[in-house]
């Protein structure tokens, strides 16, 4: 990091999408085509009772998986209470509970290999 005129320049946080490992996201989409239908409206985040305290968000989970940030996505998924409120408010009718369970199942399968 460099200090210029009292400002600190930090490294770019840009993600090179060509170098991202999207294996888990691609497997999720093969099993759950609804993962690609999410339009990131945030309705799920707004109604999530766990989201207020843990940062849980189906939208963020999908974004993290798309960006190859599996650890962050799985941390969020582990705080999901599977209450189904996000399922009820989704304008696209995505079965978010099944999506979250599929993420867990796919990750456990990958981890055991």
Protein backbone atom coordinates (compact mmCIF):
# COMPACT_ATOMS: atom_id res chain seq x y z
CA UNK A 1 0.00 0.00 0.00
CA UNK A 2 1.15 3.45 -0.81
CA UNK A 3 0.46 6.66 1.04
CA UNK A 4 -0.05 9.66 -1.28
CA UNK A 5 -1.14 13.08 -0.05
CA UNK A 6 -2.59 11.59 3.12
CA UNK A 7 -4.64 8.96 1.24
CA UNK A 8 -3.89 5.30 1.29
CA UNK A 9 -4.18 3.34 -1.95
CA UNK A 10 -5.20 -0.24 -1.47
CA UNK A 11 -5.11 -3.18 -3.80
CA UNK A 12 -8.01 -3.57 -6.16
CA UNK A 13 -10.87 -5.77 -4.98
CA UNK A 14 -11.88 -6.57 -8.56
CA UNK A 15 -12.48 -10.24 -9.31
CA UNK A 16 -11.17 -11.68 -12.56
CA UNK A 17 -14.16 -13.82 -13.55
CA UNK A 18 -12.05 -15.79 -16.03
CA UNK A 19 -9.90 -17.13 -13.18
CA UNK A 20 -12.73 -17.93 -10.73
CA UNK A 21 -13.45 -21.56 -9.87
CA UNK A 22 -17.22 -21.85 -10.42
CA UNK A 23 -17.36 -25.62 -10.01
CA UNK A 24 -19.76 -25.59 -7.08
CA UNK A 25 -22.04 -23.02 -8.71
CA UNK A 26 -22.13 -24.97 -12.00
CA UNK A 27 -23.00 -28.18 -10.15
CA UNK A 28 -25.72 -26.33 -8.27
CA UNK A 29 -27.18 -24.99 -11.54
CA UNK A 30 -27.13 -28.47 -13.07
CA UNK A 31 -29.13 -29.77 -10.10
CA UNK A 32 -31.17 -26.61 -9.44
CA UNK A 33 -31.82 -24.53 -12.60
CA UNK A 34 -33.59 -21.99 -10.37
CA UNK A 35 -30.16 -20.77 -9.23
CA UNK A 36 -29.80 -18.96 -12.56
CA UNK A 37 -33.32 -17.50 -12.37
CA UNK A 38 -32.54 -15.35 -9.33
CA UNK A 39 -32.69 -11.68 -10.31
CA UNK A 40 -31.06 -10.47 -7.07
CA UNK A 41 -34.03 -8.36 -6.02
CA UNK A 42 -33.28 -8.78 -2.30
CA UNK A 43 -36.77 -9.84 -1.22
CA UNK A 44 -35.30 -12.92 0.43
CA UNK A 45 -32.83 -10.80 2.39
CA UNK A 46 -35.53 -8.39 3.53
CA UNK A 47 -37.68 -11.12 5.08
CA UNK A 48 -34.96 -13.36 6.50
CA UNK A 49 -35.07 -13.47 10.31
CA UNK A 50 -31.51 -14.85 10.42
CA UNK A 51 -30.26 -12.19 8.03
CA UNK A 52 -30.68 -9.42 10.55
CA UNK A 53 -28.24 -11.07 12.94
CA UNK A 54 -25.98 -13.22 10.76
CA UNK A 55 -25.99 -11.62 7.32
CA UNK A 56 -27.70 -14.64 5.78
CA UNK A 57 -29.02 -13.95 2.29
CA UNK A 58 -29.83 -16.39 -0.51
CA UNK A 59 -28.90 -13.66 -2.97
CA UNK A 60 -25.47 -13.24 -1.37
CA UNK A 61 -24.96 -17.00 -1.24
CA UNK A 62 -25.54 -17.22 -5.00
CA UNK A 63 -23.31 -14.23 -5.68
CA UNK A 64 -20.51 -15.71 -3.58
CA UNK A 65 -20.78 -19.04 -5.37
CA UNK A 66 -20.69 -17.30 -8.75
CA UNK A 67 -17.54 -15.48 -7.68
CA UNK A 68 -15.85 -18.63 -6.36
CA UNK A 69 -16.12 -17.58 -2.72
CA UNK A 70 -17.37 -20.92 -1.46
CA UNK A 71 -16.23 -20.42 2.12
CA UNK A 72 -18.26 -17.24 2.55
CA UNK A 73 -21.31 -18.83 0.92
CA UNK A 74 -21.16 -21.90 3.14
CA UNK A 75 -20.78 -19.77 6.25
CA UNK A 76 -24.02 -17.98 5.34
CA UNK A 77 -25.82 -21.22 4.51
CA UNK A 78 -24.91 -22.64 7.91
CA UNK A 79 -26.81 -19.80 9.61
CA UNK A 80 -30.01 -20.42 7.63
CA UNK A 81 -32.93 -21.56 9.79
CA UNK A 82 -34.83 -23.02 6.79
CA UNK A 83 -37.96 -21.19 7.93
CA UNK A 84 -39.15 -20.66 4.34
CA UNK A 85 -40.00 -16.96 4.54
CA UNK A 86 -37.71 -16.23 1.60
CA UNK A 87 -39.53 -18.93 -0.34
CA UNK A 88 -42.86 -17.18 0.17
CA UNK A 89 -41.76 -13.74 -1.01
CA UNK A 90 -39.63 -14.68 -4.03
CA UNK A 91 -41.19 -12.99 -7.10
CA UNK A 92 -39.76 -15.69 -9.36
CA UNK A 93 -41.09 -18.55 -7.23
CA UNK A 94 -37.65 -20.01 -6.57
CA UNK A 95 -37.66 -22.80 -4.00
CA UNK A 96 -34.95 -21.22 -1.86
CA UNK A 97 -35.09 -23.88 0.85
CA UNK A 98 -34.35 -26.60 -1.67
CA UNK A 99 -31.61 -24.42 -3.16
CA UNK A 100 -29.90 -24.06 0.22
CA UNK A 101 -30.18 -27.76 0.97
CA UNK A 102 -28.71 -28.51 -2.46
CA UNK A 103 -25.73 -26.24 -1.76
CA UNK A 104 -25.07 -28.15 1.46
CA UNK A 105 -25.44 -31.53 -0.21
CA UNK A 106 -23.18 -30.64 -3.15
CA UNK A 107 -20.52 -29.21 -0.87
CA UNK A 108 -20.54 -32.31 1.36
CA UNK A 109 -20.22 -34.51 -1.74
CA UNK A 110 -17.28 -32.43 -2.99
CA UNK A 111 -15.66 -32.40 0.43
CA UNK A 112 -15.79 -36.20 0.74
CA UNK A 113 -13.90 -36.69 -2.55
